[in-house]
C-alpha atoms as a PDB file:
ATOM      1  CA  UNK A   1      -0.348   0.044   0.139  1.00  0.00           C
ATOM      2  CA  UNK A   2       1.512   3.479  -0.866  1.00  0.00           C
ATOM      3  CA  UNK A   3      -0.477   5.894   1.097  1.00  0.00           C
ATOM      4  CA  UNK A   4      -1.599   4.791   4.936  1.00  0.00           C
ATOM      5  CA  UNK A   5      -4.083   7.525   4.391  1.00  0.00           C
ATOM      6  CA  UNK A   6      -5.866   6.654   1.684  1.00  0.00           C
ATOM      7  CA  UNK A   7      -9.616   6.928   1.679  1.00  0.00           C
ATOM      8  CA  UNK A   8     -12.317   6.030  -0.695  1.00  0.00           C
ATOM      9  CA  UNK A   9     -15.756   7.150  -0.907  1.00  0.00           C
ATOM     10  CA  UNK A  10     -18.508   5.969  -3.401  1.00  0.00           C
ATOM     11  CA  UNK A  11     -21.486   8.221  -4.127  1.00  0.00           C
ATOM     12  CA  UNK A  12     -24.932   7.277  -5.095  1.00  0.00           C
ATOM     13  CA  UNK A  13     -27.682   9.594  -6.263  1.00  0.00           C
ATOM     14  CA  UNK A  14     -31.120   8.771  -7.824  1.00  0.00           C
ATOM     15  CA  UNK A  15     -32.234  12.272  -8.994  1.00  0.00           C
ATOM     16  CA  UNK A  16     -36.009  10.409  -9.108  1.00  0.00           C
ATOM     17  CA  UNK A  17     -35.932   9.167  -5.516  1.00  0.00           C
ATOM     18  CA  UNK A  18     -33.073  10.669  -3.614  1.00  0.00           C
ATOM     19  CA  UNK A  19     -33.064  14.247  -1.841  1.00  0.00           C
ATOM     20  CA  UNK A  20     -29.228  13.989  -1.633  1.00  0.00           C
ATOM     21  CA  UNK A  21     -26.281  11.882  -3.063  1.00  0.00           C
ATOM     22  CA  UNK A  22     -25.940   9.170  -0.240  1.00  0.00           C
ATOM     23  CA  UNK A  23     -22.239   7.398   0.518  1.00  0.00           C
ATOM     24  CA  UNK A  24     -22.757   4.027  -0.456  1.00  0.00           C
ATOM     25  CA  UNK A  25     -19.340   2.680   0.234  1.00  0.00           C
ATOM     26  CA  UNK A  26     -16.227   3.769   2.138  1.00  0.00           C
ATOM     27  CA  UNK A  27     -12.812   2.606   3.240  1.00  0.00           C
ATOM     28  CA  UNK A  28      -9.535   3.497   4.503  1.00  0.00           C
ATOM     29  CA  UNK A  29      -6.470   1.845   3.251  1.00  0.00           C
ATOM     30  CA  UNK A  30      -6.474  -1.646   1.616  1.00  0.00           C
ATOM     31  CA  UNK A  31     -10.620  -1.451   1.718  1.00  0.00           C
ATOM     32  CA  UNK A  32     -10.389   2.070  -0.192  1.00  0.00           C
ATOM     33  CA  UNK A  33      -7.935   0.594  -2.567  1.00  0.00           C
ATOM     34  CA  UNK A  34     -10.420  -2.025  -3.374  1.00  0.00           C
ATOM     35  CA  UNK A  35     -13.584   0.287  -3.734  1.00  0.00           C
ATOM     36  CA  UNK A  36     -11.190   1.804  -6.369  1.00  0.00           C
ATOM     37  CA  UNK A  37     -10.330  -0.889  -8.208  1.00  0.00           C
ATOM     38  CA  UNK A  38     -13.926  -2.120  -8.601  1.00  0.00           C
ATOM     39  CA  UNK A  39     -15.118   1.399  -9.877  1.00  0.00           C
ATOM     40  CA  UNK A  40     -12.586   1.611 -12.255  1.00  0.00           C
ATOM     41  CA  UNK A  41     -13.203  -2.233 -13.321  1.00  0.00           C
ATOM     42  CA  UNK A  42     -17.218  -1.360 -13.715  1.00  0.00           C
ATOM     43  CA  UNK A  43     -16.449   1.986 -15.435  1.00  0.00           C
ATOM     44  CA  UNK A  44     -17.078   4.157 -12.777  1.00  0.00           C
ATOM     45  CA  UNK A  45     -15.817   7.568 -13.121  1.00  0.00           C
ATOM     46  CA  UNK A  46     -13.215   8.658 -10.402  1.00  0.00           C
ATOM     47  CA  UNK A  47     -12.602  12.065  -8.888  1.00  0.00           C
ATOM     48  CA  UNK A  48      -9.774  12.629  -6.431  1.00  0.00           C
ATOM     49  CA  UNK A  49     -10.230  15.363  -3.791  1.00  0.00           C
ATOM     50  CA  UNK A  50      -8.637  14.692  -0.212  1.00  0.00           C
ATOM     51  CA  UNK A  51     -10.567  17.458   1.611  1.00  0.00           C
ATOM     52  CA  UNK A  52     -13.782  16.251   0.578  1.00  0.00           C
ATOM     53  CA  UNK A  53     -12.928  12.916   0.812  1.00  0.00           C
ATOM     54  CA  UNK A  54     -11.500  13.553   5.046  1.00  0.00           C
ATOM     55  CA  UNK A  55     -15.684  15.127   5.179  1.00  0.00           C
ATOM     56  CA  UNK A  56     -17.324  12.097   3.601  1.00  0.00           C
ATOM     57  CA  UNK A  57     -15.522   9.535   5.563  1.00  0.00           C
ATOM     58  CA  UNK A  58     -16.814  10.143   8.473  1.00  0.00           C
ATOM     59  CA  UNK A  59     -20.465   9.857   7.598  1.00  0.00           C
ATOM     60  CA  UNK A  60     -22.553   6.799   7.837  1.00  0.00           C
ATOM     61  CA  UNK A  61     -23.218   4.359   4.972  1.00  0.00           C
ATOM     62  CA  UNK A  62     -26.218   5.187   3.432  1.00  0.00           C
ATOM     63  CA  UNK A  63     -26.229   8.775   4.898  1.00  0.00           C
ATOM     64  CA  UNK A  64     -27.638  11.599   2.764  1.00  0.00           C
ATOM     65  CA  UNK A  65     -24.606  14.396   2.201  1.00  0.00           C
ATOM     66  CA  UNK A  66     -25.673  16.939   4.529  1.00  0.00           C
ATOM     67  CA  UNK A  67     -26.348  20.437   2.635  1.00  0.00           C
ATOM     68  CA  UNK A  68     -23.327  22.229   3.671  1.00  0.00           C
ATOM     69  CA  UNK A  69     -21.721  19.909   1.233  1.00  0.00           C
ATOM     70  CA  UNK A  70     -24.019  20.457  -1.744  1.00  0.00           C
ATOM     71  CA  UNK A  71     -21.384  22.763  -3.693  1.00  0.00           C
ATOM     72  CA  UNK A  72     -18.398  20.310  -3.480  1.00  0.00           C
ATOM     73  CA  UNK A  73     -20.599  17.681  -4.308  1.00  0.00           C
ATOM     74  CA  UNK A  74     -22.071  19.188  -7.447  1.00  0.00           C
ATOM     75  CA  UNK A  75     -18.901  19.715  -8.558  1.00  0.00           C
ATOM     76  CA  UNK A  76     -18.155  16.256  -8.267  1.00  0.00           C
ATOM     77  CA  UNK A  77     -21.483  15.405 -10.474  1.00  0.00           C
ATOM     78  CA  UNK A  78     -20.305  17.582 -12.968  1.00  0.00           C
ATOM     79  CA  UNK A  79     -17.360  15.787 -13.243  1.00  0.00           C
ATOM     80  CA  UNK A  80     -18.780  12.537 -13.750  1.00  0.00           C
ATOM     81  CA  UNK A  81     -21.695  14.232 -16.493  1.00  0.00           C
ATOM     82  CA  UNK A  82     -18.450  15.431 -18.370  1.00  0.00           C
ATOM     83  CA  UNK A  83     -16.853  12.259 -18.104  1.00  0.00           C
ATOM     84  CA  UNK A  84     -20.002  10.571 -19.266  1.00  0.00           C
ATOM     85  CA  UNK A  85     -20.823  12.838 -21.849  1.00  0.00           C
ATOM     86  CA  UNK A  86     -17.357  12.133 -23.466  1.00  0.00           C
ATOM     87  CA  UNK A  87     -17.507   8.308 -23.069  1.00  0.00           C
ATOM     88  CA  UNK A  88     -20.672   8.379 -25.524  1.00  0.00           C
ATOM     89  CA  UNK A  89     -19.707  10.685 -28.239  1.00  0.00           C
ATOM     90  CA  UNK A  90     -16.425   8.199 -28.218  1.00  0.00           C
ATOM     91  CA  UNK A  91     -18.642   5.280 -28.844  1.00  0.00           C
END
């Protein structure tokens, strides 16, 4: 393992069902690395933000993100949208 402070958090957001994105997976060190590996293998976009990860890792699984983080999460969702749009155009 390269980074003893490595953190990974997976979010899920269904605009039709959820009020806000939810933490659906989180892990430190080896578990975090496994989360990232699975995401890559599944084609899930990954955005690195150590400061945001530091806050999100403290949330419980399936907890909606607090309103104080909406702007930061909106930036992540915008990034994912761009990645998905680019991938669609390349097909």
